[in-house]
Amino acid sequence: MVASPDGKYMTPQEYLEWEEHQDIKYEYINGEVFAMTGGTIPHNDIALNLASTLKSYLHGGPCRVNIADAKVGVSEKGPFHYPDVVVSCDERDRQAIKFIQYPCLIVEVLSPSTEAYDRGRKFIQYRRIQTLQEYVLIDAEKISLDCFRLNDRGIWELHPYEEADEVHLTSVDFHFPISLVYEDVQFSI
């Protein structure tokens, strides 16, 4: 992410209206906008592998799967982020046009430049979403997936997965081999 060069603060409504007329995507945090930079091909492939499999698995049910161009609002006033994959099974999101507000699952594919933010401040913001049950971080440089899951006591627990593991996303009751998200992914040597 790159901060907007003019440093102008915006209200959430100003941001939503302004961004509709921009050539690139911007995230919105505390009145500031941040340009979204492009990812690598492995980053894209990982997100596409998971999103397409989830879409097929959830087809015909109440859940909707969206990818990187779908904005998620922590609240109607922001912050607003663009996760790599987001699933909402909430009826209130069925007709969403500008942003998803009630996701049960958010997935971020990690890059070296965003990993600390995705694990830290962004996760703190996402945890304010009352419907969120799982937050998944997928490594784009090696086979590794971390699933943070909200337990029945309201505590976020880490469930790490590595090569040869079967992943279980309880928010949508989906089991899959971790190799599925890395299908046709080329790691840099």
N, C-alpha and C. Protein backbone atom coordinates (compact mmCIF):
# COMPACT_ATOMS: atom_id res chain seq x y z
N MET A 1 0.85 -1.18 0.00
CA MET A 1 0.00 0.00 0.00
C MET A 1 0.89 1.24 0.00
N VAL A 2 0.43 2.24 -0.70
CA VAL A 2 1.13 3.51 -0.78
C VAL A 2 0.16 4.61 -0.39
N ALA A 3 0.57 5.49 0.53
CA ALA A 3 -0.31 6.58 0.96
C ALA A 3 -0.56 7.54 -0.18
N SER A 4 -1.76 8.09 -0.21
CA SER A 4 -2.12 9.09 -1.21
C SER A 4 -1.21 10.31 -1.05
N PRO A 5 -0.62 10.79 -2.14
CA PRO A 5 0.36 11.86 -2.03
C PRO A 5 -0.19 13.20 -1.54
N ASP A 6 -1.48 13.47 -1.74
CA ASP A 6 -1.98 14.78 -1.33
C ASP A 6 -2.29 14.86 0.16
N GLY A 7 -2.34 13.70 0.86
CA GLY A 7 -2.53 13.69 2.30
C GLY A 7 -3.86 14.25 2.77
N LYS A 8 -4.81 14.40 1.88
CA LYS A 8 -6.12 14.95 2.23
C LYS A 8 -6.93 13.94 3.03
N TYR A 9 -7.50 14.39 4.13
CA TYR A 9 -8.38 13.53 4.92
C TYR A 9 -9.77 13.58 4.33
N MET A 10 -10.45 12.42 4.35
CA MET A 10 -11.80 12.32 3.80
C MET A 10 -12.73 11.68 4.82
N THR A 11 -13.99 12.01 4.72
CA THR A 11 -14.99 11.28 5.49
C THR A 11 -15.21 9.94 4.77
N PRO A 12 -15.80 8.97 5.44
CA PRO A 12 -16.09 7.71 4.75
C PRO A 12 -16.93 7.90 3.49
N GLN A 13 -17.95 8.75 3.56
CA GLN A 13 -18.80 8.98 2.39
C GLN A 13 -18.02 9.64 1.25
N GLU A 14 -17.17 10.61 1.58
CA GLU A 14 -16.33 11.25 0.55
C GLU A 14 -15.43 10.21 -0.12
N TYR A 15 -14.84 9.33 0.69
CA TYR A 15 -13.98 8.28 0.16
C TYR A 15 -14.75 7.37 -0.80
N LEU A 16 -15.92 6.89 -0.38
CA LEU A 16 -16.69 5.98 -1.22
C LEU A 16 -17.07 6.63 -2.55
N GLU A 17 -17.45 7.88 -2.52
CA GLU A 17 -17.81 8.59 -3.75
C GLU A 17 -16.57 8.87 -4.60
N TRP A 18 -15.48 9.30 -3.98
CA TRP A 18 -14.24 9.63 -4.69
C TRP A 18 -13.65 8.40 -5.35
N GLU A 19 -13.61 7.27 -4.62
CA GLU A 19 -12.95 6.09 -5.15
C GLU A 19 -13.64 5.54 -6.39
N GLU A 20 -14.93 5.73 -6.51
CA GLU A 20 -15.64 5.25 -7.70
C GLU A 20 -15.08 5.84 -9.00
N HIS A 21 -14.41 6.98 -8.91
CA HIS A 21 -13.90 7.67 -10.10
C HIS A 21 -12.39 7.51 -10.27
N GLN A 22 -11.77 6.61 -9.50
CA GLN A 22 -10.33 6.42 -9.58
C GLN A 22 -9.99 5.25 -10.49
N ASP A 23 -8.80 5.31 -11.07
CA ASP A 23 -8.34 4.25 -11.96
C ASP A 23 -7.79 3.04 -11.19
N ILE A 24 -7.41 3.24 -9.94
CA ILE A 24 -6.90 2.15 -9.12
C ILE A 24 -7.69 2.08 -7.82
N LYS A 25 -7.49 1.00 -7.07
CA LYS A 25 -8.19 0.82 -5.80
C LYS A 25 -7.42 1.52 -4.68
N TYR A 26 -8.18 1.98 -3.70
CA TYR A 26 -7.60 2.62 -2.51
C TYR A 26 -8.27 2.04 -1.28
N GLU A 27 -7.46 1.72 -0.27
CA GLU A 27 -8.02 1.36 1.03
C GLU A 27 -8.19 2.65 1.83
N TYR A 28 -9.08 2.62 2.80
CA TYR A 28 -9.41 3.80 3.59
C TYR A 28 -9.24 3.46 5.07
N ILE A 29 -8.36 4.22 5.75
CA ILE A 29 -8.09 3.98 7.16
C ILE A 29 -7.99 5.33 7.87
N ASN A 30 -8.89 5.54 8.83
CA ASN A 30 -8.85 6.76 9.66
C ASN A 30 -8.76 8.05 8.84
N GLY A 31 -9.56 8.15 7.80
CA GLY A 31 -9.62 9.37 7.01
C GLY A 31 -8.58 9.47 5.91
N GLU A 32 -7.64 8.55 5.86
CA GLU A 32 -6.60 8.57 4.83
C GLU A 32 -6.84 7.46 3.82
N VAL A 33 -6.38 7.69 2.58
CA VAL A 33 -6.50 6.67 1.55
C VAL A 33 -5.11 6.17 1.17
N PHE A 34 -5.06 4.88 0.82
CA PHE A 34 -3.81 4.23 0.49
C PHE A 34 -3.99 3.47 -0.81
N ALA A 35 -3.16 3.79 -1.81
CA ALA A 35 -3.23 3.12 -3.10
C ALA A 35 -2.83 1.66 -2.95
N MET A 36 -3.55 0.80 -3.64
CA MET A 36 -3.25 -0.63 -3.61
C MET A 36 -2.32 -0.95 -4.77
N THR A 37 -1.19 -1.55 -4.44
CA THR A 37 -0.25 -1.94 -5.47
C THR A 37 -0.54 -3.37 -5.92
N GLY A 38 -0.08 -3.73 -7.08
CA GLY A 38 -0.32 -5.06 -7.62
C GLY A 38 0.51 -6.12 -6.91
N GLY A 39 0.06 -7.36 -6.99
CA GLY A 39 0.77 -8.48 -6.39
C GLY A 39 1.50 -9.29 -7.44
N THR A 40 2.10 -10.38 -7.01
CA THR A 40 2.83 -11.26 -7.92
C THR A 40 1.86 -12.27 -8.54
N ILE A 41 2.34 -12.97 -9.54
CA ILE A 41 1.54 -14.03 -10.16
C ILE A 41 1.25 -15.15 -9.15
N PRO A 42 2.23 -15.62 -8.36
CA PRO A 42 1.89 -16.62 -7.34
C PRO A 42 0.81 -16.12 -6.37
N HIS A 43 0.89 -14.86 -5.96
CA HIS A 43 -0.11 -14.26 -5.08
C HIS A 43 -1.50 -14.39 -5.71
N ASN A 44 -1.60 -14.00 -6.96
CA ASN A 44 -2.86 -14.07 -7.69
C ASN A 44 -3.35 -15.51 -7.83
N ASP A 45 -2.44 -16.43 -8.19
CA ASP A 45 -2.82 -17.82 -8.39
C ASP A 45 -3.36 -18.45 -7.11
N ILE A 46 -2.72 -18.15 -5.98
CA ILE A 46 -3.17 -18.70 -4.69
C ILE A 46 -4.58 -18.21 -4.37
N ALA A 47 -4.80 -16.92 -4.51
CA ALA A 47 -6.12 -16.36 -4.23
C ALA A 47 -7.18 -16.94 -5.18
N LEU A 48 -6.84 -17.04 -6.44
CA LEU A 48 -7.78 -17.57 -7.43
C LEU A 48 -8.09 -19.04 -7.15
N ASN A 49 -7.07 -19.83 -6.81
CA ASN A 49 -7.30 -21.25 -6.50
C ASN A 49 -8.30 -21.40 -5.36
N LEU A 50 -8.10 -20.66 -4.29
CA LEU A 50 -9.00 -20.78 -3.14
C LEU A 50 -10.38 -20.23 -3.46
N ALA A 51 -10.44 -19.06 -4.08
CA ALA A 51 -11.74 -18.44 -4.38
C ALA A 51 -12.57 -19.30 -5.32
N SER A 52 -11.96 -19.84 -6.36
CA SER A 52 -12.74 -20.63 -7.32
C SER A 52 -13.23 -21.93 -6.69
N THR A 53 -12.42 -22.54 -5.83
CA THR A 53 -12.85 -23.76 -5.15
C THR A 53 -13.96 -23.46 -4.16
N LEU A 54 -13.81 -22.37 -3.40
CA LEU A 54 -14.88 -21.98 -2.47
C LEU A 54 -16.17 -21.67 -3.22
N LYS A 55 -16.06 -20.97 -4.32
CA LYS A 55 -17.25 -20.61 -5.12
C LYS A 55 -17.98 -21.87 -5.56
N SER A 56 -17.24 -22.84 -6.04
CA SER A 56 -17.85 -24.10 -6.47
C SER A 56 -18.47 -24.84 -5.29
N TYR A 57 -17.76 -24.90 -4.17
CA TYR A 57 -18.24 -25.61 -2.98
C TYR A 57 -19.52 -24.96 -2.42
N LEU A 58 -19.57 -23.65 -2.41
CA LEU A 58 -20.70 -22.93 -1.81
C LEU A 58 -21.84 -22.63 -2.78
N HIS A 59 -21.66 -23.00 -4.05
CA HIS A 59 -22.65 -22.72 -5.09
C HIS A 59 -24.06 -23.18 -4.67
N GLY A 60 -25.02 -22.30 -4.87
CA GLY A 60 -26.41 -22.63 -4.59
C GLY A 60 -26.85 -22.40 -3.16
N GLY A 61 -25.91 -22.05 -2.30
CA GLY A 61 -26.25 -21.81 -0.89
C GLY A 61 -26.36 -20.32 -0.60
N PRO A 62 -26.44 -19.98 0.67
CA PRO A 62 -26.63 -18.58 1.06
C PRO A 62 -25.35 -17.74 1.06
N CYS A 63 -24.20 -18.37 0.83
CA CYS A 63 -22.93 -17.62 0.92
C CYS A 63 -22.51 -17.06 -0.42
N ARG A 64 -21.80 -15.94 -0.35
CA ARG A 64 -21.24 -15.34 -1.56
C ARG A 64 -19.74 -15.21 -1.36
N VAL A 65 -19.00 -15.51 -2.42
CA VAL A 65 -17.54 -15.45 -2.42
C VAL A 65 -17.13 -14.30 -3.33
N ASN A 66 -16.24 -13.46 -2.84
CA ASN A 66 -15.70 -12.37 -3.65
C ASN A 66 -14.18 -12.37 -3.58
N ILE A 67 -13.58 -11.76 -4.59
CA ILE A 67 -12.12 -11.68 -4.63
C ILE A 67 -11.67 -10.23 -4.53
N ALA A 68 -10.43 -9.99 -4.85
CA ALA A 68 -9.69 -8.76 -4.55
C ALA A 68 -10.36 -7.44 -4.92
N ASP A 69 -11.30 -7.41 -5.82
CA ASP A 69 -11.96 -6.15 -6.17
C ASP A 69 -13.16 -5.84 -5.28
N ALA A 70 -13.47 -6.73 -4.34
CA ALA A 70 -14.59 -6.49 -3.42
C ALA A 70 -14.06 -5.88 -2.13
N LYS A 71 -14.58 -4.73 -1.83
CA LYS A 71 -14.18 -3.99 -0.64
C LYS A 71 -14.93 -4.53 0.58
N VAL A 72 -14.24 -4.58 1.73
CA VAL A 72 -14.85 -4.96 2.99
C VAL A 72 -14.82 -3.75 3.91
N GLY A 73 -15.97 -3.41 4.47
CA GLY A 73 -16.05 -2.32 5.44
C GLY A 73 -16.12 -2.89 6.85
N VAL A 74 -15.16 -2.49 7.69
CA VAL A 74 -15.21 -2.92 9.08
C VAL A 74 -16.48 -2.40 9.73
N SER A 75 -16.89 -1.21 9.33
CA SER A 75 -18.18 -0.64 9.68
C SER A 75 -18.57 0.27 8.52
N GLU A 76 -19.71 0.92 8.61
CA GLU A 76 -20.11 1.84 7.54
C GLU A 76 -19.18 3.05 7.46
N LYS A 77 -18.43 3.29 8.52
CA LYS A 77 -17.50 4.42 8.56
C LYS A 77 -16.06 3.99 8.33
N GLY A 78 -15.85 2.71 8.01
CA GLY A 78 -14.51 2.22 7.73
C GLY A 78 -13.89 1.61 8.97
N PRO A 79 -12.65 1.23 8.83
CA PRO A 79 -11.84 1.26 7.63
C PRO A 79 -12.39 0.35 6.53
N PHE A 80 -11.90 0.57 5.31
CA PHE A 80 -12.28 -0.23 4.16
C PHE A 80 -11.02 -0.87 3.59
N HIS A 81 -11.09 -2.19 3.40
CA HIS A 81 -9.95 -2.95 2.88
C HIS A 81 -10.40 -3.79 1.69
N TYR A 82 -9.41 -4.26 0.93
CA TYR A 82 -9.63 -5.16 -0.19
C TYR A 82 -8.93 -6.49 0.08
N PRO A 83 -9.57 -7.41 0.80
CA PRO A 83 -8.92 -8.70 1.03
C PRO A 83 -8.83 -9.50 -0.27
N ASP A 84 -7.96 -10.49 -0.29
CA ASP A 84 -7.81 -11.31 -1.49
C ASP A 84 -9.03 -12.18 -1.74
N VAL A 85 -9.63 -12.71 -0.66
CA VAL A 85 -10.86 -13.51 -0.77
C VAL A 85 -11.71 -13.16 0.45
N VAL A 86 -13.00 -13.05 0.23
CA VAL A 86 -13.93 -12.80 1.34
C VAL A 86 -15.20 -13.61 1.10
N VAL A 87 -15.73 -14.19 2.19
CA VAL A 87 -16.98 -14.94 2.11
C VAL A 87 -17.94 -14.34 3.12
N SER A 88 -19.16 -14.08 2.65
CA SER A 88 -20.23 -13.64 3.53
C SER A 88 -21.42 -14.56 3.33
N CYS A 89 -21.97 -15.04 4.43
CA CYS A 89 -23.17 -15.87 4.39
C CYS A 89 -24.34 -15.12 5.01
N ASP A 90 -24.16 -13.83 5.19
CA ASP A 90 -25.16 -12.99 5.84
C ASP A 90 -26.10 -12.40 4.79
N GLU A 91 -27.38 -12.53 5.05
CA GLU A 91 -28.40 -12.02 4.12
C GLU A 91 -28.22 -10.54 3.81
N ARG A 92 -27.72 -9.78 4.77
CA ARG A 92 -27.54 -8.33 4.56
C ARG A 92 -26.51 -8.02 3.49
N ASP A 93 -25.62 -8.95 3.18
CA ASP A 93 -24.62 -8.73 2.13
C ASP A 93 -25.05 -9.26 0.76
N ARG A 94 -26.17 -9.94 0.68
CA ARG A 94 -26.59 -10.53 -0.60
C ARG A 94 -26.76 -9.49 -1.70
N GLN A 95 -27.22 -8.30 -1.36
CA GLN A 95 -27.46 -7.26 -2.35
C GLN A 95 -26.41 -6.14 -2.30
N ALA A 96 -25.29 -6.38 -1.62
CA ALA A 96 -24.25 -5.35 -1.48
C ALA A 96 -23.72 -4.91 -2.85
N ILE A 97 -23.51 -3.62 -2.98
CA ILE A 97 -22.98 -3.04 -4.22
C ILE A 97 -21.60 -2.42 -3.98
N LYS A 98 -21.46 -1.62 -2.94
CA LYS A 98 -20.20 -0.90 -2.70
C LYS A 98 -19.22 -1.65 -1.82
N PHE A 99 -19.72 -2.36 -0.80
CA PHE A 99 -18.81 -3.10 0.07
C PHE A 99 -19.55 -4.19 0.85
N ILE A 100 -18.78 -5.20 1.22
CA ILE A 100 -19.25 -6.29 2.07
C ILE A 100 -19.05 -5.83 3.52
N GLN A 101 -20.04 -6.05 4.37
CA GLN A 101 -19.92 -5.59 5.75
C GLN A 101 -20.07 -6.70 6.79
N TYR A 102 -20.53 -7.89 6.39
CA TYR A 102 -20.81 -8.94 7.35
C TYR A 102 -20.14 -10.27 6.96
N PRO A 103 -18.83 -10.26 6.70
CA PRO A 103 -18.17 -11.50 6.28
C PRO A 103 -17.99 -12.48 7.44
N CYS A 104 -17.92 -13.77 7.10
CA CYS A 104 -17.59 -14.78 8.10
C CYS A 104 -16.15 -15.25 7.92
N LEU A 105 -15.59 -15.04 6.72
CA LEU A 105 -14.25 -15.51 6.38
C LEU A 105 -13.54 -14.45 5.54
N ILE A 106 -12.32 -14.09 5.95
CA ILE A 106 -11.48 -13.17 5.19
C ILE A 106 -10.14 -13.85 4.98
N VAL A 107 -9.62 -13.78 3.75
CA VAL A 107 -8.34 -14.39 3.41
C VAL A 107 -7.42 -13.32 2.81
N GLU A 108 -6.21 -13.28 3.32
CA GLU A 108 -5.16 -12.43 2.76
C GLU A 108 -4.00 -13.32 2.35
N VAL A 109 -3.50 -13.12 1.12
CA VAL A 109 -2.29 -13.79 0.67
C VAL A 109 -1.14 -12.85 1.00
N LEU A 110 -0.16 -13.37 1.71
CA LEU A 110 0.91 -12.54 2.23
C LEU A 110 1.98 -12.23 1.19
N SER A 111 2.50 -11.03 1.28
CA SER A 111 3.69 -10.66 0.53
C SER A 111 4.67 -10.09 1.55
N PRO A 112 5.96 -10.12 1.25
CA PRO A 112 6.94 -9.61 2.23
C PRO A 112 6.66 -8.18 2.68
N SER A 113 6.14 -7.35 1.79
CA SER A 113 5.93 -5.94 2.13
C SER A 113 4.67 -5.70 2.98
N THR A 114 3.73 -6.64 2.98
CA THR A 114 2.48 -6.43 3.73
C THR A 114 2.26 -7.41 4.88
N GLU A 115 3.13 -8.40 5.02
CA GLU A 115 2.89 -9.46 6.01
C GLU A 115 2.72 -8.92 7.42
N ALA A 116 3.60 -8.05 7.86
CA ALA A 116 3.51 -7.53 9.23
C ALA A 116 2.19 -6.78 9.43
N TYR A 117 1.79 -5.98 8.46
CA TYR A 117 0.54 -5.23 8.56
C TYR A 117 -0.67 -6.18 8.57
N ASP A 118 -0.66 -7.19 7.67
CA ASP A 118 -1.77 -8.14 7.61
C ASP A 118 -1.92 -8.92 8.91
N ARG A 119 -0.80 -9.27 9.52
CA ARG A 119 -0.84 -10.03 10.78
C ARG A 119 -1.15 -9.14 11.99
N GLY A 120 -0.83 -7.86 11.88
CA GLY A 120 -0.97 -6.96 13.01
C GLY A 120 -2.16 -6.03 12.93
N ARG A 121 -1.90 -4.80 12.48
CA ARG A 121 -2.93 -3.75 12.52
C ARG A 121 -4.18 -4.09 11.71
N LYS A 122 -4.00 -4.72 10.55
CA LYS A 122 -5.18 -5.06 9.75
C LYS A 122 -6.03 -6.11 10.47
N PHE A 123 -5.39 -7.10 11.09
CA PHE A 123 -6.13 -8.11 11.83
C PHE A 123 -6.86 -7.48 13.02
N ILE A 124 -6.24 -6.51 13.67
CA ILE A 124 -6.92 -5.79 14.77
C ILE A 124 -8.19 -5.13 14.25
N GLN A 125 -8.10 -4.51 13.08
CA GLN A 125 -9.28 -3.86 12.49
C GLN A 125 -10.35 -4.89 12.11
N TYR A 126 -9.94 -5.97 11.45
CA TYR A 126 -10.89 -7.00 11.05
C TYR A 126 -11.61 -7.61 12.25
N ARG A 127 -10.93 -7.75 13.37
CA ARG A 127 -11.54 -8.37 14.55
C ARG A 127 -12.72 -7.57 15.09
N ARG A 128 -12.88 -6.34 14.65
CA ARG A 128 -14.04 -5.53 15.05
C ARG A 128 -15.32 -5.95 14.31
N ILE A 129 -15.19 -6.76 13.27
CA ILE A 129 -16.34 -7.23 12.51
C ILE A 129 -16.99 -8.36 13.30
N GLN A 130 -18.20 -8.13 13.77
CA GLN A 130 -18.85 -9.09 14.67
C GLN A 130 -19.19 -10.43 14.02
N THR A 131 -19.35 -10.46 12.69
CA THR A 131 -19.70 -11.71 12.02
C THR A 131 -18.47 -12.53 11.62
N LEU A 132 -17.27 -11.95 11.72
CA LEU A 132 -16.06 -12.64 11.29
C LEU A 132 -15.75 -13.81 12.21
N GLN A 133 -15.57 -14.98 11.62
CA GLN A 133 -15.27 -16.20 12.37
C GLN A 133 -13.86 -16.71 12.11
N GLU A 134 -13.34 -16.43 10.89
CA GLU A 134 -12.00 -16.91 10.54
C GLU A 134 -11.26 -15.87 9.71
N TYR A 135 -9.98 -15.77 9.99
CA TYR A 135 -9.07 -14.90 9.24
C TYR A 135 -7.90 -15.78 8.82
N VAL A 136 -7.71 -15.91 7.51
CA VAL A 136 -6.71 -16.82 6.97
C VAL A 136 -5.60 -16.03 6.28
N LEU A 137 -4.37 -16.39 6.60
CA LEU A 137 -3.19 -15.80 5.99
C LEU A 137 -2.44 -16.90 5.26
N ILE A 138 -2.23 -16.70 3.95
CA ILE A 138 -1.57 -17.72 3.13
C ILE A 138 -0.24 -17.15 2.63
N ASP A 139 0.82 -17.90 2.85
CA ASP A 139 2.16 -17.49 2.42
C ASP A 139 2.29 -17.70 0.92
N ALA A 140 2.80 -16.71 0.21
CA ALA A 140 2.98 -16.81 -1.24
C ALA A 140 4.38 -17.28 -1.61
N GLU A 141 5.25 -17.49 -0.63
CA GLU A 141 6.63 -17.87 -0.92
C GLU A 141 6.97 -19.28 -0.48
N LYS A 142 6.11 -19.90 0.32
CA LYS A 142 6.29 -21.30 0.74
C LYS A 142 4.93 -21.84 1.15
N ILE A 143 4.82 -23.15 1.26
CA ILE A 143 3.54 -23.77 1.61
C ILE A 143 3.30 -23.61 3.10
N SER A 144 2.41 -22.69 3.43
CA SER A 144 2.09 -22.38 4.82
C SER A 144 0.81 -21.56 4.86
N LEU A 145 -0.11 -21.95 5.73
CA LEU A 145 -1.38 -21.27 5.87
C LEU A 145 -1.69 -21.15 7.37
N ASP A 146 -1.97 -19.95 7.83
CA ASP A 146 -2.37 -19.72 9.22
C ASP A 146 -3.83 -19.33 9.24
N CYS A 147 -4.62 -20.09 9.99
CA CYS A 147 -6.04 -19.79 10.15
C CYS A 147 -6.27 -19.35 11.58
N PHE A 148 -6.70 -18.10 11.74
CA PHE A 148 -7.09 -17.59 13.05
C PHE A 148 -8.59 -17.77 13.15
N ARG A 149 -9.01 -18.51 14.18
CA ARG A 149 -10.42 -18.88 14.33
C ARG A 149 -10.93 -18.40 15.69
N LEU A 150 -12.09 -17.77 15.66
CA LEU A 150 -12.73 -17.30 16.89
C LEU A 150 -13.37 -18.50 17.59
N ASN A 151 -12.94 -18.76 18.84
CA ASN A 151 -13.51 -19.90 19.55
C ASN A 151 -14.79 -19.51 20.28
N ASP A 152 -15.42 -20.47 20.93
CA ASP A 152 -16.71 -20.21 21.59
C ASP A 152 -16.58 -19.33 22.84
N ARG A 153 -15.35 -19.03 23.26
CA ARG A 153 -15.12 -18.11 24.38
C ARG A 153 -14.76 -16.71 23.90
N GLY A 154 -14.81 -16.49 22.57
CA GLY A 154 -14.50 -15.17 22.02
C GLY A 154 -13.02 -14.88 21.90
N ILE A 155 -12.20 -15.92 21.89
CA ILE A 155 -10.74 -15.77 21.79
C ILE A 155 -10.29 -16.29 20.43
N TRP A 156 -9.41 -15.53 19.78
CA TRP A 156 -8.88 -15.93 18.47
C TRP A 156 -7.76 -16.94 18.69
N GLU A 157 -7.91 -18.11 18.08
CA GLU A 157 -6.91 -19.18 18.18
C GLU A 157 -6.24 -19.38 16.83
N LEU A 158 -4.93 -19.65 16.87
CA LEU A 158 -4.17 -19.93 15.66
C LEU A 158 -4.21 -21.41 15.34
N HIS A 159 -4.54 -21.73 14.08
CA HIS A 159 -4.49 -23.10 13.57
C HIS A 159 -3.57 -23.09 12.35
N PRO A 160 -2.29 -23.46 12.54
CA PRO A 160 -1.33 -23.42 11.43
C PRO A 160 -1.40 -24.71 10.60
N TYR A 161 -1.22 -24.57 9.30
CA TYR A 161 -1.21 -25.70 8.39
C TYR A 161 0.04 -25.61 7.52
N GLU A 162 0.64 -26.79 7.26
CA GLU A 162 1.84 -26.85 6.42
C GLU A 162 1.66 -27.94 5.38
N GLU A 163 2.72 -28.17 4.63
CA GLU A 163 2.70 -29.13 3.54
C GLU A 163 2.10 -30.47 3.98
N ALA A 164 1.22 -31.02 3.16
CA ALA A 164 0.54 -32.31 3.34
C ALA A 164 -0.62 -32.25 4.33
N ASP A 165 -0.90 -31.10 4.94
CA ASP A 165 -2.01 -30.98 5.89
C ASP A 165 -3.34 -30.81 5.15
N GLU A 166 -4.42 -31.22 5.84
CA GLU A 166 -5.76 -30.90 5.36
C GLU A 166 -6.27 -29.71 6.16
N VAL A 167 -6.74 -28.71 5.45
CA VAL A 167 -7.24 -27.48 6.06
C VAL A 167 -8.73 -27.63 6.29
N HIS A 168 -9.21 -27.12 7.42
CA HIS A 168 -10.65 -27.10 7.67
C HIS A 168 -11.05 -25.66 7.99
N LEU A 169 -11.86 -25.07 7.13
CA LEU A 169 -12.43 -23.76 7.38
C LEU A 169 -13.81 -23.99 7.99
N THR A 170 -13.89 -23.82 9.29
CA THR A 170 -15.13 -24.14 9.99
C THR A 170 -16.25 -23.14 9.69
N SER A 171 -15.90 -21.92 9.32
CA SER A 171 -16.92 -20.91 9.05
C SER A 171 -17.84 -21.31 7.90
N VAL A 172 -17.31 -22.09 6.98
CA VAL A 172 -18.10 -22.57 5.84
C VAL A 172 -18.06 -24.10 5.74
N ASP A 173 -17.53 -24.76 6.77
CA ASP A 173 -17.40 -26.22 6.85
C ASP A 173 -16.78 -26.79 5.58
N PHE A 174 -15.61 -26.31 5.23
CA PHE A 174 -14.93 -26.71 4.01
C PHE A 174 -13.58 -27.33 4.35
N HIS A 175 -13.38 -28.58 3.92
CA HIS A 175 -12.12 -29.31 4.10
C HIS A 175 -11.42 -29.38 2.75
N PHE A 176 -10.12 -29.16 2.73
CA PHE A 176 -9.36 -29.29 1.49
C PHE A 176 -7.88 -29.50 1.82
N PRO A 177 -7.15 -30.20 0.92
CA PRO A 177 -5.72 -30.34 1.13
C PRO A 177 -5.04 -28.98 0.87
N ILE A 178 -4.04 -28.65 1.67
CA ILE A 178 -3.37 -27.36 1.50
C ILE A 178 -2.79 -27.24 0.09
N SER A 179 -2.45 -28.36 -0.52
CA SER A 179 -1.89 -28.33 -1.88
C SER A 179 -2.86 -27.69 -2.88
N LEU A 180 -4.15 -27.71 -2.59
CA LEU A 180 -5.14 -27.11 -3.49
C LEU A 180 -4.86 -25.63 -3.73
N VAL A 181 -4.51 -24.87 -2.69
CA VAL A 181 -4.29 -23.44 -2.88
C VAL A 181 -2.98 -23.16 -3.60
N TYR A 182 -2.08 -24.15 -3.64
CA TYR A 182 -0.78 -23.96 -4.29
C TYR A 182 -0.70 -24.63 -5.66
N GLU A 183 -1.84 -25.09 -6.16
CA GLU A 183 -1.85 -25.75 -7.48
C GLU A 183 -1.35 -24.79 -8.55
N ASP A 184 -0.39 -25.25 -9.33
CA ASP A 184 0.22 -24.49 -10.44
C ASP A 184 0.94 -23.22 -9.99
N VAL A 185 1.28 -23.12 -8.72
CA VAL A 185 2.00 -21.94 -8.22
C VAL A 185 3.50 -22.19 -8.33
N GLN A 186 4.20 -21.24 -8.92
CA GLN A 186 5.64 -21.31 -9.06
C GLN A 186 6.29 -20.40 -8.03
N PHE A 187 7.09 -21.00 -7.15
CA PHE A 187 7.81 -20.20 -6.15
C PHE A 187 9.10 -19.71 -6.76
N SER A 188 9.54 -18.51 -6.35
CA SER A 188 10.81 -17.99 -6.85
C SER A 188 11.95 -18.80 -6.24
N ILE A 189 12.98 -18.95 -7.01
CA ILE A 189 14.12 -19.79 -6.59
C ILE A 189 15.19 -18.95 -5.95
